[in-house]
């Protein structure tokens, strides 16, 4: 499967890429768009310029929103390492670190 997100409110699309020449959408999560998406295991993390959303993708046909964060300072980017999510604002590494547990 491939997971894609738009930078607007169109949400996240789940694509079946069994036949790479003919990918097709099999699921959609509205309103959880993001310019940046990271997939780790059964989770997709979407960043839309402020809010970071977590979506359970253990069943690709039925992705389920799990959680969201709105850090105090809107991050430009984020990283997920182990059970933590790190936010960064243009070189400022003092932004919050959140546990994903």
Protein backbone atom coordinates (compact mmCIF):
# COMPACT_ATOMS: atom_id res chain seq x y z
CA UNK A 1 0.00 0.00 0.00
CA UNK A 2 0.98 3.61 -0.50
CA UNK A 3 -0.20 6.45 1.71
CA UNK A 4 -0.54 9.98 0.37
CA UNK A 5 -1.74 13.22 1.89
CA UNK A 6 -2.57 16.54 0.34
CA UNK A 7 -1.58 19.84 1.90
CA UNK A 8 -5.25 20.88 2.13
CA UNK A 9 -8.33 19.40 3.79
CA UNK A 10 -8.63 16.59 1.23
CA UNK A 11 -7.22 14.13 3.70
CA UNK A 12 -5.14 11.02 3.38
CA UNK A 13 -5.54 8.50 0.59
CA UNK A 14 -4.64 4.82 0.81
CA UNK A 15 -3.60 3.38 -2.54
CA UNK A 16 -3.48 -0.27 -3.55
CA UNK A 17 -0.25 -0.60 -5.52
CA UNK A 18 -0.41 -4.35 -6.10
CA UNK A 19 -0.18 -3.48 -9.79
CA UNK A 20 2.26 -0.54 -9.80
CA UNK A 21 1.18 0.47 -13.30
CA UNK A 22 -2.43 0.86 -12.12
CA UNK A 23 -2.59 2.17 -8.52
CA UNK A 24 -6.07 2.89 -7.20
CA UNK A 25 -7.54 4.43 -4.07
CA UNK A 26 -9.06 1.94 -1.64
CA UNK A 27 -9.63 4.20 1.38
CA UNK A 28 -9.72 7.86 2.36
CA UNK A 29 -9.58 9.79 5.63
CA UNK A 30 -11.17 13.23 5.15
CA UNK A 31 -9.82 16.32 6.88
CA UNK A 32 -6.47 14.84 7.90
CA UNK A 33 -4.40 16.31 5.12
CA UNK A 34 -0.77 17.02 5.54
CA UNK A 35 2.15 18.23 3.54
CA UNK A 36 4.39 15.69 5.25
CA UNK A 37 3.56 12.05 5.96
CA UNK A 38 5.61 9.42 7.79
CA UNK A 39 4.53 5.78 7.93
CA UNK A 40 5.98 3.58 10.67
CA UNK A 41 4.48 0.17 11.27
CA UNK A 42 0.70 0.47 11.61
CA UNK A 43 0.70 4.25 12.05
CA UNK A 44 0.69 7.16 9.63
CA UNK A 45 1.79 10.54 10.98
CA UNK A 46 0.58 13.56 9.00
CA UNK A 47 1.79 17.14 9.42
CA UNK A 48 -0.21 20.01 7.96
CA UNK A 49 1.93 22.95 9.01
CA UNK A 50 0.70 23.06 12.58
CA UNK A 51 -1.21 20.01 13.70
CA UNK A 52 0.25 16.49 13.60
CA UNK A 53 -2.30 13.70 13.19
CA UNK A 54 -1.86 10.01 13.94
CA UNK A 55 -3.88 7.51 11.90
CA UNK A 56 -4.10 3.76 12.58
CA UNK A 57 -3.46 1.99 9.26
CA UNK A 58 -3.40 -1.59 10.57
CA UNK A 59 -6.44 -2.20 8.35
CA UNK A 60 -5.65 -0.28 5.13
CA UNK A 61 -9.27 -0.52 4.00
CA UNK A 62 -10.46 1.22 7.18
CA UNK A 63 -7.86 3.72 8.47
CA UNK A 64 -8.84 5.24 11.81
CA UNK A 65 -7.78 8.62 13.25
CA UNK A 66 -6.20 8.09 16.68
CA UNK A 67 -4.79 11.33 17.99
CA UNK A 68 -3.56 14.80 17.13
CA UNK A 69 -1.19 17.38 18.57
CA UNK A 70 -1.07 21.13 18.20
CA UNK A 71 2.30 22.16 19.60
CA UNK A 72 2.62 25.61 21.15
CA UNK A 73 4.84 26.80 18.29
CA UNK A 74 3.67 25.56 14.88
CA UNK A 75 6.40 23.20 13.71
CA UNK A 76 7.93 23.24 10.26
CA UNK A 77 8.74 19.56 10.46
CA UNK A 78 8.64 16.58 12.77
CA UNK A 79 10.28 13.22 13.30
CA UNK A 80 9.05 10.03 14.94
CA UNK A 81 11.67 7.97 16.77
CA UNK A 82 10.57 5.02 18.87
CA UNK A 83 7.74 6.16 21.13
CA UNK A 84 8.45 9.87 20.77
CA UNK A 85 7.54 12.60 18.33
CA UNK A 86 9.91 15.54 17.96
CA UNK A 87 8.86 18.94 16.59
CA UNK A 88 11.16 21.57 15.11
CA UNK A 89 10.60 25.21 14.20
CA UNK A 90 13.25 26.52 11.79
CA UNK A 91 16.35 25.45 13.68
CA UNK A 92 14.83 25.76 17.17
CA UNK A 93 15.21 22.36 18.83
CA UNK A 94 13.61 23.46 22.12
CA UNK A 95 10.11 22.53 20.96
CA UNK A 96 8.07 19.97 22.86
CA UNK A 97 8.73 16.26 22.70
CA UNK A 98 5.63 14.10 23.06
CA UNK A 99 5.41 10.48 24.09
CA UNK A 100 3.34 8.33 21.75
CA UNK A 101 2.45 5.83 24.48
